[in-house]
């Protein structure tokens, strides 16, 4: 919905956070938008801003507690993302036609915005001296300005920390993510099907992902998280827009391996450290 850079691509940025009380804060930042950094031939050694097209400014007001001041810690926040940078129009080419059909470059636009709300809340903690328990989480993001692929994005779920006796730092997580595509987000797919003489019946406006994961704390510094996902109504958008049949629901198996280098070097304490 905006050009806010997604992991693992890094860009220049700065942010500041002010605590109004011990639990209420205001947080804002400004981040470079540089499409060049997302190209396959780039690397992390070039720290210049050459190719930058603008900035993204996120602003948030939130309420946050921790184990030191709340038996059931929580984080709540509402915010806005102001995108003052160039982006490619989702439908139109430089001549205001369909770039998917014409083969011309997409029309360059400037400026988008979105609003969001997010939370995580521990709801069960069997031992007030330990971190184990059940936490619920959720987030909602909606576009408010510019020409965007999605109307809104919604996700949520639950994470249980401490799954079995002797595994106090393992986690079991369930979650979902739902994307609702705007008329612009489906326009290329509809145009591609029309060019093939196909109707647009059965085109889903939403894509939903259901996920089950298990986090294994192998050492205080090393964590392995296998996951299983089920994708409902995978959306082809422009990459597979000319596919004559809808893409069937998909099962995805994955895993994430995390290594905390500071804990590994003895400079910090990870879960289970003495």
C-alpha atoms as a PDB file:
ATOM      1  CA  UNK A   1       0.000   0.000   0.000  1.00  0.00           C
ATOM      2  CA  UNK A   2       3.047   2.246   0.367  1.00  0.00           C
ATOM      3  CA  UNK A   3       6.751   2.173  -0.492  1.00  0.00           C
ATOM      4  CA  UNK A   4       7.801   1.394   3.074  1.00  0.00           C
ATOM      5  CA  UNK A   5      10.703  -1.003   2.466  1.00  0.00           C
ATOM      6  CA  UNK A   6      10.152  -4.629   3.381  1.00  0.00           C
ATOM      7  CA  UNK A   7      12.738  -6.909   4.974  1.00  0.00           C
ATOM      8  CA  UNK A   8      15.487  -7.792   4.098  1.00  0.00           C
ATOM      9  CA  UNK A   9      16.133  -4.665   2.001  1.00  0.00           C
ATOM     10  CA  UNK A  10      17.622  -1.826   4.038  1.00  0.00           C
ATOM     11  CA  UNK A  11      17.357   1.905   3.393  1.00  0.00           C
ATOM     12  CA  UNK A  12      18.377   5.062   5.197  1.00  0.00           C
ATOM     13  CA  UNK A  13      16.017   6.211   7.895  1.00  0.00           C
ATOM     14  CA  UNK A  14      15.611   7.823  11.267  1.00  0.00           C
ATOM     15  CA  UNK A  15      12.970   7.580  13.973  1.00  0.00           C
ATOM     16  CA  UNK A  16      12.182   9.014  17.371  1.00  0.00           C
ATOM     17  CA  UNK A  17       9.995   7.788  20.202  1.00  0.00           C
ATOM     18  CA  UNK A  18       8.710   9.941  23.071  1.00  0.00           C
ATOM     19  CA  UNK A  19       7.065   8.487  26.179  1.00  0.00           C
ATOM     20  CA  UNK A  20       4.215  10.705  27.378  1.00  0.00           C
ATOM     21  CA  UNK A  21       3.733   8.475  30.429  1.00  0.00           C
ATOM     22  CA  UNK A  22       5.310   5.168  31.432  1.00  0.00           C
ATOM     23  CA  UNK A  23       2.921   3.392  29.052  1.00  0.00           C
ATOM     24  CA  UNK A  24       1.802   5.954  26.410  1.00  0.00           C
ATOM     25  CA  UNK A  25       4.140   6.910  23.560  1.00  0.00           C
ATOM     26  CA  UNK A  26       4.341   8.829  20.295  1.00  0.00           C
ATOM     27  CA  UNK A  27       6.570   7.346  17.596  1.00  0.00           C
ATOM     28  CA  UNK A  28       7.489   8.812  14.190  1.00  0.00           C
ATOM     29  CA  UNK A  29      10.106   8.264  11.521  1.00  0.00           C
ATOM     30  CA  UNK A  30      11.236   9.129   8.015  1.00  0.00           C
ATOM     31  CA  UNK A  31      12.649   6.553   5.589  1.00  0.00           C
ATOM     32  CA  UNK A  32      14.250   6.760   2.172  1.00  0.00           C
ATOM     33  CA  UNK A  33      12.435   5.261  -0.842  1.00  0.00           C
ATOM     34  CA  UNK A  34      14.933   3.944  -3.372  1.00  0.00           C
ATOM     35  CA  UNK A  35      13.746   1.466  -6.026  1.00  0.00           C
ATOM     36  CA  UNK A  36      17.368   0.876  -7.017  1.00  0.00           C
ATOM     37  CA  UNK A  37      17.989  -0.913  -3.705  1.00  0.00           C
ATOM     38  CA  UNK A  38      15.437  -3.568  -4.665  1.00  0.00           C
ATOM     39  CA  UNK A  39      17.164  -4.570  -7.889  1.00  0.00           C
ATOM     40  CA  UNK A  40      18.870  -7.955  -8.021  1.00  0.00           C
ATOM     41  CA  UNK A  41      22.281  -6.506  -8.889  1.00  0.00           C
ATOM     42  CA  UNK A  42      22.485  -4.337  -5.756  1.00  0.00           C
ATOM     43  CA  UNK A  43      24.245  -5.160  -2.502  1.00  0.00           C
ATOM     44  CA  UNK A  44      24.583  -3.867   1.026  1.00  0.00           C
ATOM     45  CA  UNK A  45      27.903  -2.110   0.456  1.00  0.00           C
ATOM     46  CA  UNK A  46      26.507   0.822  -1.539  1.00  0.00           C
ATOM     47  CA  UNK A  47      25.169   3.223   1.112  1.00  0.00           C
ATOM     48  CA  UNK A  48      24.463   6.134  -1.226  1.00  0.00           C
ATOM     49  CA  UNK A  49      21.020   7.660  -1.789  1.00  0.00           C
ATOM     50  CA  UNK A  50      21.497   7.696  -5.566  1.00  0.00           C
ATOM     51  CA  UNK A  51      18.177   6.767  -7.189  1.00  0.00           C
ATOM     52  CA  UNK A  52      15.973   7.835  -4.268  1.00  0.00           C
ATOM     53  CA  UNK A  53      12.476   8.964  -5.299  1.00  0.00           C
ATOM     54  CA  UNK A  54      11.133  10.323  -2.001  1.00  0.00           C
ATOM     55  CA  UNK A  55      10.430   9.370   1.597  1.00  0.00           C
ATOM     56  CA  UNK A  56       7.886   7.487   3.692  1.00  0.00           C
ATOM     57  CA  UNK A  57       6.788   8.971   7.035  1.00  0.00           C
ATOM     58  CA  UNK A  58       5.070   6.637   9.554  1.00  0.00           C
ATOM     59  CA  UNK A  59       3.482   8.161  12.666  1.00  0.00           C
ATOM     60  CA  UNK A  60       2.017   6.181  15.588  1.00  0.00           C
ATOM     61  CA  UNK A  61       0.427   6.743  18.980  1.00  0.00           C
ATOM     62  CA  UNK A  62       0.462   3.734  21.257  1.00  0.00           C
ATOM     63  CA  UNK A  63       0.026   2.136  24.655  1.00  0.00           C
ATOM     64  CA  UNK A  64       2.638  -0.405  25.768  1.00  0.00           C
ATOM     65  CA  UNK A  65       3.404  -2.332  28.960  1.00  0.00           C
ATOM     66  CA  UNK A  66       5.869  -5.041  29.941  1.00  0.00           C
ATOM     67  CA  UNK A  67       6.414  -7.704  32.612  1.00  0.00           C
ATOM     68  CA  UNK A  68       7.784  -5.036  34.920  1.00  0.00           C
ATOM     69  CA  UNK A  69       4.572  -3.020  35.146  1.00  0.00           C
ATOM     70  CA  UNK A  70       1.804  -5.353  33.944  1.00  0.00           C
ATOM     71  CA  UNK A  71       1.046  -8.998  34.800  1.00  0.00           C
ATOM     72  CA  UNK A  72      -0.441  -9.382  31.286  1.00  0.00           C
ATOM     73  CA  UNK A  73       1.697  -7.177  29.008  1.00  0.00           C
ATOM     74  CA  UNK A  74       0.059  -5.517  26.008  1.00  0.00           C
ATOM     75  CA  UNK A  75       0.816  -3.274  23.050  1.00  0.00           C
ATOM     76  CA  UNK A  76      -1.783  -1.182  21.229  1.00  0.00           C
ATOM     77  CA  UNK A  77      -1.152   1.323  18.477  1.00  0.00           C
ATOM     78  CA  UNK A  78      -2.865   3.404  15.796  1.00  0.00           C
ATOM     79  CA  UNK A  79      -1.019   5.209  13.085  1.00  0.00           C
ATOM     80  CA  UNK A  80      -0.716   6.562   9.577  1.00  0.00           C
ATOM     81  CA  UNK A  81       1.820   6.051   6.803  1.00  0.00           C
ATOM     82  CA  UNK A  82       2.419   9.035   4.515  1.00  0.00           C
ATOM     83  CA  UNK A  83       4.213   8.046   1.320  1.00  0.00           C
ATOM     84  CA  UNK A  84       5.784  10.999  -0.470  1.00  0.00           C
ATOM     85  CA  UNK A  85       7.517   9.123  -3.262  1.00  0.00           C
ATOM     86  CA  UNK A  86       7.069   7.850  -6.807  1.00  0.00           C
ATOM     87  CA  UNK A  87       5.270   4.598  -7.531  1.00  0.00           C
ATOM     88  CA  UNK A  88       4.041   2.693 -10.573  1.00  0.00           C
ATOM     89  CA  UNK A  89       0.359   2.991 -11.422  1.00  0.00           C
ATOM     90  CA  UNK A  90      -1.270  -0.417 -10.910  1.00  0.00           C
ATOM     91  CA  UNK A  91      -3.104  -0.259 -14.255  1.00  0.00           C
ATOM     92  CA  UNK A  92      -2.240   2.618 -16.584  1.00  0.00           C
ATOM     93  CA  UNK A  93       0.731   2.962 -18.898  1.00  0.00           C
ATOM     94  CA  UNK A  94       2.407   6.206 -19.927  1.00  0.00           C
ATOM     95  CA  UNK A  95      -0.340   6.746 -22.525  1.00  0.00           C
ATOM     96  CA  UNK A  96      -3.133   6.097 -19.962  1.00  0.00           C
ATOM     97  CA  UNK A  97      -3.925   2.712 -21.485  1.00  0.00           C
ATOM     98  CA  UNK A  98      -3.395  -0.732 -19.923  1.00  0.00           C
ATOM     99  CA  UNK A  99       0.335  -1.392 -19.516  1.00  0.00           C
ATOM    100  CA  UNK A 100      -0.377  -5.123 -19.238  1.00  0.00           C
ATOM    101  CA  UNK A 101      -1.793  -5.154 -22.767  1.00  0.00           C
ATOM    102  CA  UNK A 102       0.323  -2.424 -24.369  1.00  0.00           C
ATOM    103  CA  UNK A 103       3.714  -3.498 -23.053  1.00  0.00           C
ATOM    104  CA  UNK A 104       4.554   0.143 -22.309  1.00  0.00           C
ATOM    105  CA  UNK A 105       6.015   1.301 -19.013  1.00  0.00           C
ATOM    106  CA  UNK A 106       3.538   1.960 -16.192  1.00  0.00           C
ATOM    107  CA  UNK A 107       2.604   5.554 -15.534  1.00  0.00           C
ATOM    108  CA  UNK A 108       4.575   7.086 -12.659  1.00  0.00           C
ATOM    109  CA  UNK A 109       2.464   8.463  -9.827  1.00  0.00           C
ATOM    110  CA  UNK A 110       3.422  10.326  -6.651  1.00  0.00           C
ATOM    111  CA  UNK A 111       2.017  10.077  -3.142  1.00  0.00           C
ATOM    112  CA  UNK A 112       0.005   7.449  -1.271  1.00  0.00           C
ATOM    113  CA  UNK A 113      -1.199   7.006   2.285  1.00  0.00           C
ATOM    114  CA  UNK A 114      -2.593   4.400   4.648  1.00  0.00           C
ATOM    115  CA  UNK A 115      -3.870   4.072   8.199  1.00  0.00           C
ATOM    116  CA  UNK A 116      -3.448   1.137  10.546  1.00  0.00           C
ATOM    117  CA  UNK A 117      -4.176  -0.285  13.959  1.00  0.00           C
ATOM    118  CA  UNK A 118      -2.358  -3.122  15.704  1.00  0.00           C
ATOM    119  CA  UNK A 119      -2.304  -4.922  19.034  1.00  0.00           C
ATOM    120  CA  UNK A 120      -0.866  -7.818  20.983  1.00  0.00           C
ATOM    121  CA  UNK A 121      -2.238  -8.795  24.363  1.00  0.00           C
ATOM    122  CA  UNK A 122      -1.231 -11.551  26.753  1.00  0.00           C
ATOM    123  CA  UNK A 123      -4.425 -13.150  28.019  1.00  0.00           C
ATOM    124  CA  UNK A 124      -3.130 -16.087  30.085  1.00  0.00           C
ATOM    125  CA  UNK A 125      -0.020 -16.413  32.256  1.00  0.00           C
ATOM    126  CA  UNK A 126       0.052 -19.405  34.606  1.00  0.00           C
ATOM    127  CA  UNK A 127       3.123 -18.219  36.524  1.00  0.00           C
ATOM    128  CA  UNK A 128       3.499 -14.519  37.351  1.00  0.00           C
ATOM    129  CA  UNK A 129       7.291 -14.949  37.657  1.00  0.00           C
ATOM    130  CA  UNK A 130       7.779 -16.450  34.164  1.00  0.00           C
ATOM    131  CA  UNK A 131       7.262 -15.349  30.552  1.00  0.00           C
ATOM    132  CA  UNK A 132       5.176 -18.362  29.507  1.00  0.00           C
ATOM    133  CA  UNK A 133       1.573 -17.793  28.471  1.00  0.00           C
ATOM    134  CA  UNK A 134      -0.873 -17.143  25.655  1.00  0.00           C
ATOM    135  CA  UNK A 135      -0.830 -13.935  23.604  1.00  0.00           C
ATOM    136  CA  UNK A 136      -3.335 -12.745  21.001  1.00  0.00           C
ATOM    137  CA  UNK A 137      -2.339 -10.364  18.197  1.00  0.00           C
ATOM    138  CA  UNK A 138      -3.920  -8.572  15.264  1.00  0.00           C
ATOM    139  CA  UNK A 139      -3.430  -5.762  12.752  1.00  0.00           C
ATOM    140  CA  UNK A 140      -5.537  -3.828  10.238  1.00  0.00           C
ATOM    141  CA  UNK A 141      -4.221  -1.674   7.391  1.00  0.00           C
ATOM    142  CA  UNK A 142      -6.293   0.324   4.903  1.00  0.00           C
ATOM    143  CA  UNK A 143      -5.308   2.526   1.993  1.00  0.00           C
ATOM    144  CA  UNK A 144      -6.542   6.114   2.187  1.00  0.00           C
ATOM    145  CA  UNK A 145      -4.901   7.899  -0.741  1.00  0.00           C
ATOM    146  CA  UNK A 146      -3.350   7.196  -4.131  1.00  0.00           C
ATOM    147  CA  UNK A 147      -4.041   4.345  -6.557  1.00  0.00           C
ATOM    148  CA  UNK A 148      -3.533   1.079  -4.710  1.00  0.00           C
ATOM    149  CA  UNK A 149      -3.796  -2.667  -5.291  1.00  0.00           C
ATOM    150  CA  UNK A 150      -5.505  -3.354  -1.984  1.00  0.00           C
ATOM    151  CA  UNK A 151      -8.454  -1.849  -0.140  1.00  0.00           C
ATOM    152  CA  UNK A 152      -7.367  -3.333   3.171  1.00  0.00           C
ATOM    153  CA  UNK A 153      -5.244  -5.985   4.855  1.00  0.00           C
ATOM    154  CA  UNK A 154      -6.164  -7.856   8.040  1.00  0.00           C
ATOM    155  CA  UNK A 155      -4.254 -10.399  10.099  1.00  0.00           C
ATOM    156  CA  UNK A 156      -4.463 -11.971  13.518  1.00  0.00           C
ATOM    157  CA  UNK A 157      -3.727 -15.029  15.587  1.00  0.00           C
ATOM    158  CA  UNK A 158      -2.374 -16.414  18.822  1.00  0.00           C
ATOM    159  CA  UNK A 159       1.013 -17.520  20.166  1.00  0.00           C
ATOM    160  CA  UNK A 160       1.515 -19.908  23.076  1.00  0.00           C
ATOM    161  CA  UNK A 161       4.934 -19.594  24.738  1.00  0.00           C
ATOM    162  CA  UNK A 162       5.964 -22.702  26.667  1.00  0.00           C
ATOM    163  CA  UNK A 163       4.442 -25.671  24.884  1.00  0.00           C
ATOM    164  CA  UNK A 164       5.538 -28.798  26.752  1.00  0.00           C
ATOM    165  CA  UNK A 165       7.302 -29.625  30.044  1.00  0.00           C
ATOM    166  CA  UNK A 166      10.987 -28.935  29.554  1.00  0.00           C
ATOM    167  CA  UNK A 167      10.334 -26.608  26.567  1.00  0.00           C
ATOM    168  CA  UNK A 168       9.581 -23.277  28.305  1.00  0.00           C
ATOM    169  CA  UNK A 169      10.681 -21.071  25.392  1.00  0.00           C
ATOM    170  CA  UNK A 170       9.207 -22.987  22.457  1.00  0.00           C
ATOM    171  CA  UNK A 171       6.168 -21.408  20.812  1.00  0.00           C
ATOM    172  CA  UNK A 172       3.084 -22.682  19.036  1.00  0.00           C
ATOM    173  CA  UNK A 173       1.447 -20.153  16.744  1.00  0.00           C
ATOM    174  CA  UNK A 174      -1.700 -19.995  14.630  1.00  0.00           C
ATOM    175  CA  UNK A 175      -2.605 -17.078  12.418  1.00  0.00           C
ATOM    176  CA  UNK A 176      -4.309 -15.769   9.331  1.00  0.00           C
ATOM    177  CA  UNK A 177      -3.788 -12.959   6.848  1.00  0.00           C
ATOM    178  CA  UNK A 178      -6.473 -11.586   4.547  1.00  0.00           C
ATOM    179  CA  UNK A 179      -5.899  -9.251   1.605  1.00  0.00           C
ATOM    180  CA  UNK A 180      -8.879  -7.569  -0.036  1.00  0.00           C
ATOM    181  CA  UNK A 181      -7.981  -6.315  -3.499  1.00  0.00           C
ATOM    182  CA  UNK A 182      -9.337  -3.057  -4.866  1.00  0.00           C
ATOM    183  CA  UNK A 183     -10.959  -2.744  -8.316  1.00  0.00           C
ATOM    184  CA  UNK A 184      -7.563  -1.474  -9.498  1.00  0.00           C
ATOM    185  CA  UNK A 185      -5.881  -4.541  -8.045  1.00  0.00           C
ATOM    186  CA  UNK A 186      -8.103  -6.820 -10.139  1.00  0.00           C
ATOM    187  CA  UNK A 187      -8.217  -4.640 -13.264  1.00  0.00           C
ATOM    188  CA  UNK A 188      -5.210  -6.235 -14.985  1.00  0.00           C
ATOM    189  CA  UNK A 189      -6.519  -9.741 -14.367  1.00  0.00           C
ATOM    190  CA  UNK A 190      -9.921  -8.794 -15.749  1.00  0.00           C
ATOM    191  CA  UNK A 191      -8.362  -7.126 -18.805  1.00  0.00           C
ATOM    192  CA  UNK A 192      -6.156 -10.154 -19.482  1.00  0.00           C
ATOM    193  CA  UNK A 193      -9.113 -12.544 -19.299  1.00  0.00           C
ATOM    194  CA  UNK A 194     -11.179 -10.306 -21.564  1.00  0.00           C
ATOM    195  CA  UNK A 195      -8.357 -10.334 -24.139  1.00  0.00           C
ATOM    196  CA  UNK A 196      -8.559 -14.153 -24.108  1.00  0.00           C
ATOM    197  CA  UNK A 197     -12.338 -14.078 -24.581  1.00  0.00           C
ATOM    198  CA  UNK A 198     -12.987 -15.273 -21.037  1.00  0.00           C
ATOM    199  CA  UNK A 199     -15.555 -13.890 -18.620  1.00  0.00           C
ATOM    200  CA  UNK A 200     -14.753 -12.599 -15.153  1.00  0.00           C
ATOM    201  CA  UNK A 201     -17.034 -14.850 -13.169  1.00  0.00           C
ATOM    202  CA  UNK A 202     -15.439 -16.475 -10.148  1.00  0.00           C
ATOM    203  CA  UNK A 203     -12.657 -13.918  -9.700  1.00  0.00           C
ATOM    204  CA  UNK A 204     -12.127 -13.644  -5.945  1.00  0.00           C
ATOM    205  CA  UNK A 205     -11.467 -10.228  -4.445  1.00  0.00           C
ATOM    206  CA  UNK A 206      -9.732 -11.687  -1.383  1.00  0.00           C
ATOM    207  CA  UNK A 207      -6.709 -13.854  -0.732  1.00  0.00           C
ATOM    208  CA  UNK A 208      -6.482 -15.603   2.648  1.00  0.00           C
ATOM    209  CA  UNK A 209      -3.495 -17.339   4.218  1.00  0.00           C
ATOM    210  CA  UNK A 210      -3.847 -19.667   7.216  1.00  0.00           C
ATOM    211  CA  UNK A 211      -0.660 -20.581   9.083  1.00  0.00           C
ATOM    212  CA  UNK A 212       0.466 -23.012  11.775  1.00  0.00           C
ATOM    213  CA  UNK A 213       4.004 -22.688  13.149  1.00  0.00           C
ATOM    214  CA  UNK A 214       6.176 -24.139  15.886  1.00  0.00           C
ATOM    215  CA  UNK A 215       9.223 -22.288  17.219  1.00  0.00           C
ATOM    216  CA  UNK A 216      12.015 -24.457  18.624  1.00  0.00           C
ATOM    217  CA  UNK A 217      14.489 -22.642  20.892  1.00  0.00           C
ATOM    218  CA  UNK A 218      17.533 -24.807  20.166  1.00  0.00           C
ATOM    219  CA  UNK A 219      19.914 -22.632  22.222  1.00  0.00           C
ATOM    220  CA  UNK A 220      19.582 -19.150  23.722  1.00  0.00           C
ATOM    221  CA  UNK A 221      20.967 -17.810  20.418  1.00  0.00           C
ATOM    222  CA  UNK A 222      19.485 -20.196  17.828  1.00  0.00           C
ATOM    223  CA  UNK A 223      15.826 -20.662  16.946  1.00  0.00           C
ATOM    224  CA  UNK A 224      14.199 -22.852  14.271  1.00  0.00           C
ATOM    225  CA  UNK A 225      10.579 -22.270  13.223  1.00  0.00           C
ATOM    226  CA  UNK A 226       8.954 -24.662  10.724  1.00  0.00           C
ATOM    227  CA  UNK A 227       5.560 -23.559   9.423  1.00  0.00           C
ATOM    228  CA  UNK A 228       2.673 -24.816   7.335  1.00  0.00           C
ATOM    229  CA  UNK A 229       0.470 -22.475   5.294  1.00  0.00           C
ATOM    230  CA  UNK A 230      -2.739 -22.906   3.345  1.00  0.00           C
ATOM    231  CA  UNK A 231      -3.453 -20.207   0.752  1.00  0.00           C
ATOM    232  CA  UNK A 232      -7.078 -19.676  -0.299  1.00  0.00           C
ATOM    233  CA  UNK A 233      -7.707 -17.971  -3.666  1.00  0.00           C
ATOM    234  CA  UNK A 234      -4.084 -17.246  -4.639  1.00  0.00           C
ATOM    235  CA  UNK A 235      -4.156 -14.063  -6.704  1.00  0.00           C
ATOM    236  CA  UNK A 236      -2.251 -14.088 -10.017  1.00  0.00           C
ATOM    237  CA  UNK A 237      -2.239 -10.293 -10.505  1.00  0.00           C
ATOM    238  CA  UNK A 238      -0.045  -9.385 -13.494  1.00  0.00           C
ATOM    239  CA  UNK A 239       2.535 -12.176 -13.196  1.00  0.00           C
ATOM    240  CA  UNK A 240       0.052 -14.894 -14.178  1.00  0.00           C
ATOM    241  CA  UNK A 241      -2.766 -12.657 -15.385  1.00  0.00           C
ATOM    242  CA  UNK A 242      -3.136 -14.526 -18.678  1.00  0.00           C
ATOM    243  CA  UNK A 243      -3.613 -17.904 -17.041  1.00  0.00           C
ATOM    244  CA  UNK A 244      -6.992 -19.141 -18.343  1.00  0.00           C
ATOM    245  CA  UNK A 245      -7.901 -21.066 -15.194  1.00  0.00           C
ATOM    246  CA  UNK A 246      -7.895 -19.826 -11.625  1.00  0.00           C
ATOM    247  CA  UNK A 247      -4.915 -20.889  -9.529  1.00  0.00           C
ATOM    248  CA  UNK A 248      -6.072 -23.584  -7.064  1.00  0.00           C
ATOM    249  CA  UNK A 249      -5.644 -23.265  -3.315  1.00  0.00           C
ATOM    250  CA  UNK A 250      -2.052 -23.963  -2.293  1.00  0.00           C
ATOM    251  CA  UNK A 251      -0.235 -25.692   0.561  1.00  0.00           C
ATOM    252  CA  UNK A 252       3.135 -24.162   1.474  1.00  0.00           C
ATOM    253  CA  UNK A 253       5.748 -25.685   3.768  1.00  0.00           C
ATOM    254  CA  UNK A 254       8.556 -23.493   5.078  1.00  0.00           C
ATOM    255  CA  UNK A 255      11.030 -22.909   7.876  1.00  0.00           C
ATOM    256  CA  UNK A 256      12.877 -19.972   9.400  1.00  0.00           C
ATOM    257  CA  UNK A 257      16.250 -20.198  11.128  1.00  0.00           C
ATOM    258  CA  UNK A 258      17.267 -17.275  13.362  1.00  0.00           C
ATOM    259  CA  UNK A 259      20.680 -16.716  14.963  1.00  0.00           C
ATOM    260  CA  UNK A 260      21.156 -13.864  17.446  1.00  0.00           C
ATOM    261  CA  UNK A 261      24.799 -12.889  16.963  1.00  0.00           C
ATOM    262  CA  UNK A 262      24.979 -10.787  20.139  1.00  0.00           C
ATOM    263  CA  UNK A 263      23.784 -13.706  22.269  1.00  0.00           C
ATOM    264  CA  UNK A 264      26.059 -16.073  20.368  1.00  0.00           C
ATOM    265  CA  UNK A 265      29.021 -13.808  21.181  1.00  0.00           C
ATOM    266  CA  UNK A 266      28.034 -13.539  24.854  1.00  0.00           C
ATOM    267  CA  UNK A 267      27.107  -9.839  24.585  1.00  0.00           C
ATOM    268  CA  UNK A 268      23.415 -10.379  25.305  1.00  0.00           C
ATOM    269  CA  UNK A 269      21.145 -12.907  26.993  1.00  0.00           C
ATOM    270  CA  UNK A 270      18.628 -14.888  24.974  1.00  0.00           C
ATOM    271  CA  UNK A 271      15.779 -17.148  26.138  1.00  0.00           C
ATOM    272  CA  UNK A 272      17.099 -19.624  28.693  1.00  0.00           C
ATOM    273  CA  UNK A 273      20.420 -17.817  29.285  1.00  0.00           C
ATOM    274  CA  UNK A 274      21.897 -18.215  32.753  1.00  0.00           C
END
